[in-house]
Amino acid sequence: MLAVILGYVDLAIQESDTSRSIDEYLTEIKEAAQRSANLTSQLLTFARKQAGTYAVFDLNAHIQGILNMLHRLIGKRTEIVFDGQEGLWNIYADLSQIDQIITNLVSNAADAVAGNEKIGIRTRNVSVDSSDQHLPSVPGEYVELSVWDTGKGMDDPQLDRFFEPFYTTKEIGKGTGLGLPMVYGIVTQHGGEIKVESRKGEGSTFRVFLPRTDMEMTDEPSEEEGVITGSGARILLVEDEHPVRKFTASALEQNGYDVIPCGTPEEALDVLKQNTGSIDLMITDLVMPGMNGRELWEYAEWLVPGIKVLYISGYPSAVFSEEEQLEIHLLHKPFTINSLLRKLHELL
């Protein structure tokens, strides 16, 4: 359903007039859907159904981009102050999981303050070359992400148990005790460390240290860049979910492709038998009843040797290993129309 939401929003933006209010609302809807998709992706990652999507990025720029969302999360009465160090080093991380760290820490900080106080987010570069209980235990260069509040703070016994699953200081019904253990797990998974500093009545500071990376950021095409239209190529689209199949076919046809939509692998094979040689590329979902997308391609390749294929899936690990995913052309659900069109442009 997230794929459908994102797809129809993209179509609406393309077809809308220049009214600022309409575009503004649609953009908000799209951002909300994308955040939901990121959370879903993270749940699949934790359930080992999907590999984490790691990339090199600028943490300062990312935090700036989600400040509005964080303000909506905690309400208008609490102020968020962001202090990002200039020249911050890059990190190599799963963006959706970094979002989860920030969201959990800010949400906890909001619960700790009375409502009219401040929450702070700070970033800085940290070099560790000696032992210090407030810094990572392993020497090296880190990017520190800290979230502080001016709330009620905690005493030492509470600090000792803060990352235990199901331990919470919140009232019944207001906390599960899973947020901070999840944060701890994500930070550890990224090779980092987390430290807590707090005193009763003086607020708390959570300091997350993530290893610096020397890798360069790659310039991803912007969603705002012009749409890459097709040139009449014939696409066989195989997707068992009707809403996803419908919006994908509409998007492709609207952007210059000739589309043959199919709801089952068996229907797609019948089309291939009747149109041998006239199909330029097959787009197929991976997880479908009866036959998965990988098996479908094996049959398709036998009928049309050399046929190109683009897999679309929300959890490709159900069919391909992480190593195999690096060798195939794959688009994760939910996808934007621009990302789909760019993939097709690359393949064709």
Protein backbone atom coordinates (compact mmCIF):
# COMPACT_ATOMS: atom_id res chain seq x y z
CA MET A 1 0.00 0.00 0.00
CA LEU A 2 2.92 2.35 0.60
CA ALA A 3 4.03 1.67 -2.97
CA VAL A 4 0.56 2.67 -4.18
CA ILE A 5 0.52 5.86 -2.08
CA LEU A 6 3.92 6.97 -3.33
CA GLY A 7 3.07 6.08 -6.92
CA TYR A 8 -0.21 7.96 -7.11
CA VAL A 9 1.28 10.98 -5.35
CA ASP A 10 4.01 11.07 -8.02
CA LEU A 11 1.38 10.92 -10.77
CA ALA A 12 -0.65 13.67 -9.11
CA ILE A 13 2.39 15.95 -8.80
CA GLN A 14 3.17 15.47 -12.49
CA GLU A 15 -0.41 16.30 -13.50
CA SER A 16 -1.19 19.07 -10.98
CA ASP A 17 -1.21 22.75 -11.84
CA THR A 18 1.26 25.19 -10.31
CA SER A 19 -0.85 25.78 -7.21
CA ARG A 20 1.59 25.94 -4.31
CA SER A 21 -0.89 24.60 -1.74
CA ILE A 22 -1.60 21.41 -3.69
CA ASP A 23 2.09 20.64 -4.23
CA GLU A 24 2.83 21.41 -0.60
CA TYR A 25 0.17 18.98 0.65
CA LEU A 26 1.24 16.28 -1.78
CA THR A 27 4.87 16.68 -0.74
CA GLU A 28 3.90 16.29 2.92
CA ILE A 29 1.95 13.13 2.08
CA LYS A 30 4.90 11.75 0.16
CA GLU A 31 7.36 12.50 2.99
CA ALA A 32 5.07 10.83 5.52
CA ALA A 33 4.71 7.77 3.33
CA GLN A 34 8.48 7.61 2.81
CA ARG A 35 9.09 7.74 6.58
CA SER A 36 6.58 4.90 6.99
CA ALA A 37 8.37 2.96 4.28
CA ASN A 38 11.71 3.49 6.05
CA LEU A 39 10.26 2.15 9.30
CA THR A 40 8.79 -0.86 7.52
CA SER A 41 12.14 -1.49 5.87
CA GLN A 42 13.82 -1.42 9.26
CA LEU A 43 11.34 -3.91 10.72
CA LEU A 44 12.09 -6.24 7.81
CA THR A 45 15.81 -5.76 8.44
CA PHE A 46 15.43 -6.73 12.11
CA ALA A 47 13.33 -9.73 11.08
CA ARG A 48 16.18 -10.70 8.72
CA LYS A 49 13.87 -10.41 5.71
CA GLN A 50 15.82 -7.54 4.16
CA ALA A 51 19.43 -6.45 4.21
CA GLY A 52 20.20 -3.00 5.55
CA THR A 53 20.68 -0.32 2.89
CA TYR A 54 23.96 1.39 3.77
CA ALA A 55 25.21 4.62 2.22
CA VAL A 56 27.67 7.44 2.90
CA PHE A 57 25.91 10.61 4.00
CA ASP A 58 26.19 13.94 5.81
CA LEU A 59 24.44 13.63 9.17
CA ASN A 60 24.00 17.42 9.54
CA ALA A 61 22.14 17.73 6.25
CA HIS A 62 19.94 14.77 7.11
CA ILE A 63 18.98 16.13 10.54
CA GLN A 64 18.12 19.49 8.98
CA GLY A 65 15.83 17.65 6.59
CA ILE A 66 13.84 15.89 9.33
CA LEU A 67 13.55 18.70 11.90
CA ASN A 68 9.99 19.54 10.80
CA MET A 69 8.98 15.92 11.21
CA LEU A 70 10.54 15.84 14.70
CA HIS A 71 8.67 18.99 15.69
CA ARG A 72 5.40 17.37 14.62
CA LEU A 73 6.33 14.26 16.58
CA ILE A 74 6.79 15.98 19.95
CA GLY A 75 4.29 18.85 19.67
CA LYS A 76 4.57 22.62 19.51
CA ARG A 77 5.31 23.41 23.16
CA THR A 78 8.77 21.84 23.24
CA GLU A 79 11.57 23.57 21.34
CA ILE A 80 14.25 21.59 19.48
CA VAL A 81 17.64 23.27 19.21
CA PHE A 82 20.03 21.89 16.61
CA ASP A 83 23.76 22.58 16.83
CA GLY A 84 25.61 20.94 13.95
CA GLN A 85 29.39 21.27 13.73
CA GLU A 86 30.67 22.64 10.44
CA GLY A 87 32.90 20.27 8.51
CA LEU A 88 31.30 17.21 10.10
CA TRP A 89 32.82 13.94 8.92
CA ASN A 90 30.71 11.55 6.87
CA ILE A 91 29.35 8.28 8.22
CA TYR A 92 28.51 5.01 6.48
CA ALA A 93 25.17 3.83 7.82
CA ASP A 94 21.64 2.62 7.16
CA LEU A 95 19.67 5.86 6.87
CA SER A 96 16.38 4.38 8.09
CA GLN A 97 18.08 3.03 11.20
CA ILE A 98 19.74 6.39 11.91
CA ASP A 99 16.25 7.91 11.65
CA GLN A 100 15.10 5.39 14.27
CA ILE A 101 17.92 6.40 16.63
CA ILE A 102 17.08 10.09 16.32
CA THR A 103 13.31 9.57 16.58
CA ASN A 104 13.58 7.38 19.69
CA LEU A 105 16.02 9.67 21.50
CA VAL A 106 14.03 12.83 20.70
CA SER A 107 10.76 11.14 21.70
CA ASN A 108 12.27 10.02 25.02
CA ALA A 109 13.64 13.50 25.65
CA ALA A 110 10.18 14.99 24.98
CA ASP A 111 8.67 12.63 27.55
CA ALA A 112 11.26 13.75 30.10
CA VAL A 113 10.53 17.49 29.87
CA ALA A 114 7.48 19.31 31.18
CA GLY A 115 6.50 20.63 27.76
CA ASN A 116 7.87 24.17 27.74
CA GLU A 117 11.52 23.22 27.98
CA LYS A 118 14.20 22.51 25.38
CA ILE A 119 15.54 19.47 23.62
CA GLY A 120 18.91 19.73 21.95
CA ILE A 121 20.48 17.80 19.08
CA ARG A 122 24.20 18.26 18.59
CA THR A 123 26.80 16.80 16.24
CA ARG A 124 30.56 17.02 16.35
CA ASN A 125 33.75 15.25 15.29
CA VAL A 126 35.47 13.28 18.05
CA SER A 127 38.95 11.73 18.02
CA VAL A 128 39.51 9.10 20.72
CA ASP A 129 43.10 8.23 21.61
CA SER A 130 42.89 7.53 25.34
CA SER A 131 40.63 5.85 27.86
CA ASP A 132 37.68 7.98 29.02
CA GLN A 133 34.40 6.61 30.40
CA HIS A 134 32.49 9.32 28.52
CA LEU A 135 34.03 8.35 25.15
CA PRO A 136 34.11 5.15 23.06
CA SER A 137 36.32 2.38 24.43
CA VAL A 138 37.97 1.77 21.04
CA PRO A 139 40.38 4.51 19.82
CA GLY A 140 39.51 6.07 16.51
CA GLU A 141 37.61 8.87 14.81
CA TYR A 142 33.88 9.16 15.40
CA VAL A 143 30.93 11.37 14.57
CA GLU A 144 29.04 12.13 17.77
CA LEU A 145 25.27 12.56 17.70
CA SER A 146 23.98 13.71 21.08
CA VAL A 147 20.43 14.41 22.21
CA TRP A 148 19.98 16.31 25.48
CA ASP A 149 17.03 17.56 27.51
CA THR A 150 16.45 19.79 30.52
CA GLY A 151 14.00 17.36 32.12
CA LYS A 152 13.84 15.40 35.36
CA GLY A 153 16.94 13.28 34.79
CA MET A 154 17.69 9.84 36.23
CA ASP A 155 19.57 8.34 39.14
CA ASP A 156 22.35 5.73 38.88
CA PRO A 157 20.16 2.61 39.36
CA GLN A 158 17.98 3.72 36.45
CA LEU A 159 21.03 4.35 34.25
CA ASP A 160 22.30 0.83 34.86
CA ARG A 161 19.10 -0.68 33.44
CA PHE A 162 18.24 1.77 30.68
CA PHE A 163 19.10 -0.51 27.75
CA GLU A 164 17.39 -3.59 29.16
CA PRO A 165 14.48 -4.76 26.96
CA PHE A 166 11.07 -3.95 28.49
CA TYR A 167 12.53 -1.75 31.24
CA THR A 168 10.82 1.65 31.26
CA THR A 169 10.37 4.55 33.67
CA LYS A 170 7.21 5.70 31.89
CA GLU A 171 3.67 5.22 33.11
CA ILE A 172 1.76 2.07 32.14
CA GLY A 173 0.52 2.40 28.59
CA LYS A 174 3.05 5.09 27.66
CA GLY A 175 6.15 3.03 26.97
CA THR A 176 7.16 -0.49 25.96
CA GLY A 177 10.78 -0.41 27.08
CA LEU A 178 11.90 -1.39 23.57
CA GLY A 179 12.96 1.97 22.13
CA LEU A 180 16.34 2.35 23.81
CA PRO A 181 17.32 -1.34 23.50
CA MET A 182 16.60 -0.95 19.77
CA VAL A 183 18.79 2.16 19.68
CA TYR A 184 21.55 0.26 21.47
CA GLY A 185 21.30 -2.59 18.97
CA ILE A 186 21.45 -0.28 15.94
CA VAL A 187 24.46 1.63 17.29
CA THR A 188 26.32 -1.60 18.08
CA GLN A 189 25.46 -3.00 14.65
CA HIS A 190 27.10 0.08 13.11
CA GLY A 191 30.30 -0.44 15.11
CA GLY A 192 29.57 2.48 17.42
CA GLU A 193 28.90 3.06 21.11
CA ILE A 194 26.32 4.94 23.15
CA LYS A 195 26.88 6.74 26.46
CA VAL A 196 24.33 8.21 28.89
CA GLU A 197 24.96 11.14 31.22
CA SER A 198 22.22 12.15 33.65
CA ARG A 199 21.58 13.55 37.09
CA LYS A 200 18.32 13.63 39.01
CA GLY A 201 16.62 16.97 38.33
CA GLU A 202 19.27 18.12 35.84
CA GLY A 203 18.26 16.44 32.60
CA SER A 204 19.91 13.76 30.48
CA THR A 205 22.25 13.51 27.50
CA PHE A 206 22.48 10.48 25.20
CA ARG A 207 25.72 10.47 23.20
CA VAL A 208 25.89 8.21 20.15
CA PHE A 209 29.32 7.68 18.57
CA LEU A 210 29.39 6.36 15.00
CA PRO A 211 32.66 5.55 13.18
CA ARG A 212 33.87 8.07 10.63
CA THR A 213 34.18 6.85 7.05
CA ASP A 214 36.74 7.91 4.46
CA MET A 215 34.46 6.84 1.60
CA GLU A 216 33.16 9.59 -0.64
CA MET A 217 29.48 10.36 -1.00
CA THR A 218 28.01 9.40 -4.35
CA ASP A 219 25.74 11.91 -6.02
CA GLU A 220 22.31 10.32 -6.16
CA PRO A 221 19.96 11.79 -8.78
CA SER A 222 17.51 14.18 -7.16
CA GLU A 223 13.81 13.36 -7.20
CA GLU A 224 13.31 16.94 -8.38
CA GLU A 225 15.36 16.34 -11.53
CA GLY A 226 13.47 15.98 -14.79
CA VAL A 227 11.71 12.69 -15.47
CA ILE A 228 13.50 10.35 -17.89
CA THR A 229 10.81 9.33 -20.36
CA GLY A 230 10.72 6.10 -22.33
CA SER A 231 11.05 5.68 -26.09
CA GLY A 232 8.26 3.25 -26.85
CA ALA A 233 10.04 0.19 -25.48
CA ARG A 234 7.72 -2.72 -24.74
CA ILE A 235 7.64 -3.74 -21.06
CA LEU A 236 6.16 -6.95 -19.64
CA LEU A 237 4.98 -6.07 -16.11
CA VAL A 238 4.32 -8.99 -13.74
CA GLU A 239 2.81 -8.06 -10.36
CA ASP A 240 0.18 -10.01 -8.44
CA GLU A 241 -0.96 -7.02 -6.31
CA HIS A 242 -3.56 -5.25 -8.45
CA PRO A 243 -3.08 -1.68 -7.06
CA VAL A 244 0.71 -1.85 -7.50
CA ARG A 245 0.34 -3.30 -11.00
CA LYS A 246 -2.20 -0.62 -11.95
CA PHE A 247 -0.20 2.41 -10.81
CA THR A 248 3.08 1.05 -12.23
CA ALA A 249 1.49 0.41 -15.62
CA SER A 250 -0.08 3.90 -15.60
CA ALA A 251 3.24 5.51 -14.72
CA LEU A 252 5.11 3.66 -17.47
CA GLU A 253 2.47 4.38 -20.13
CA GLN A 254 2.32 8.04 -19.12
CA ASN A 255 6.08 8.26 -19.61
CA GLY A 256 6.34 6.70 -23.05
CA TYR A 257 6.48 2.93 -22.56
CA ASP A 258 4.30 0.24 -24.13
CA VAL A 259 3.17 -1.94 -21.21
CA ILE A 260 1.70 -5.43 -21.05
CA PRO A 261 0.48 -5.94 -17.43
CA CYS A 262 0.13 -9.46 -16.03
CA GLY A 263 -1.27 -10.57 -12.69
CA THR A 264 0.39 -14.00 -12.53
CA PRO A 265 3.63 -15.62 -13.73
CA GLU A 266 1.61 -18.10 -15.79
CA GLU A 267 -0.12 -15.24 -17.62
CA ALA A 268 3.27 -13.65 -18.27
CA LEU A 269 4.64 -16.89 -19.77
CA ASP A 270 1.64 -17.08 -22.11
CA VAL A 271 2.38 -13.51 -23.25
CA LEU A 272 6.04 -14.37 -23.83
CA LYS A 273 5.11 -17.41 -25.94
CA GLN A 274 2.88 -15.26 -28.13
CA ASN A 275 5.25 -12.27 -28.36
CA THR A 276 8.67 -13.90 -28.66
CA GLY A 277 11.21 -11.26 -29.61
CA SER A 278 8.95 -8.24 -29.16
CA ILE A 279 9.43 -7.80 -25.38
CA ASP A 280 12.30 -5.43 -24.55
CA LEU A 281 12.31 -5.94 -20.77
CA MET A 282 10.43 -7.73 -18.02
CA ILE A 283 9.62 -6.11 -14.66
CA THR A 284 8.58 -8.71 -12.13
CA ASP A 285 7.74 -8.90 -8.46
CA LEU A 286 9.80 -11.49 -6.60
CA VAL A 287 7.33 -12.97 -4.12
CA MET A 288 4.20 -14.26 -5.88
CA PRO A 289 1.88 -17.24 -5.42
CA GLY A 290 2.89 -20.40 -7.25
CA MET A 291 6.09 -19.17 -8.86
CA ASN A 292 8.54 -16.53 -7.68
CA GLY A 293 10.12 -13.90 -9.91
CA ARG A 294 13.44 -15.71 -10.11
CA GLU A 295 11.78 -18.89 -11.38
CA LEU A 296 9.72 -16.84 -13.83
CA TRP A 297 12.86 -15.25 -15.27
CA GLU A 298 14.46 -18.69 -15.75
CA TYR A 299 11.46 -19.77 -17.86
CA ALA A 300 11.38 -16.39 -19.63
CA GLU A 301 15.09 -16.61 -20.47
CA TRP A 302 14.50 -19.98 -22.06
CA LEU A 303 11.66 -18.57 -24.19
CA VAL A 304 13.40 -15.26 -24.99
CA PRO A 305 17.18 -15.69 -24.60
CA GLY A 306 18.89 -12.57 -23.25
CA ILE A 307 15.68 -10.88 -22.08
CA LYS A 308 16.45 -8.11 -19.57
CA VAL A 309 14.78 -8.23 -16.16
CA LEU A 310 14.17 -5.74 -13.37
CA TYR A 311 13.05 -7.23 -10.06
CA ILE A 312 10.81 -5.22 -7.70
CA SER A 313 10.34 -6.40 -4.14
CA GLY A 314 9.79 -5.32 -0.57
CA TYR A 315 11.79 -8.27 0.80
CA PRO A 316 14.14 -9.70 -1.83
CA SER A 317 15.93 -11.81 0.79
CA ALA A 318 13.02 -14.22 0.56
CA VAL A 319 14.39 -15.26 -2.86
CA PHE A 320 17.95 -13.92 -3.25
CA SER A 321 20.84 -13.96 -0.78
CA GLU A 322 22.52 -10.64 0.09
CA GLU A 323 25.45 -11.55 -2.21
CA GLU A 324 23.09 -12.41 -5.10
CA GLN A 325 21.20 -9.13 -4.66
CA LEU A 326 24.40 -7.28 -5.61
CA GLU A 327 24.44 -9.05 -8.97
CA ILE A 328 20.85 -8.44 -10.09
CA HIS A 329 18.88 -5.37 -11.13
CA LEU A 330 16.62 -4.71 -8.15
CA LEU A 331 14.26 -1.91 -7.12
CA HIS A 332 12.99 -1.96 -3.54
CA LYS A 333 9.32 -1.39 -2.84
CA PRO A 334 7.99 1.16 -2.29
CA PHE A 335 9.68 3.00 -5.15
CA THR A 336 9.16 6.41 -6.74
CA ILE A 337 8.31 6.77 -10.40
CA ASN A 338 11.55 8.63 -11.06
CA SER A 339 13.64 5.82 -9.54
CA LEU A 340 11.76 3.28 -11.67
CA LEU A 341 12.29 5.32 -14.85
CA ARG A 342 15.99 5.79 -14.10
CA LYS A 343 16.42 2.05 -13.60
CA LEU A 344 14.72 1.30 -16.91
CA HIS A 345 16.84 3.93 -18.66
CA GLU A 346 20.00 2.25 -17.33
CA LEU A 347 18.87 -1.21 -18.41
CA LEU A 348 17.63 -0.23 -21.87
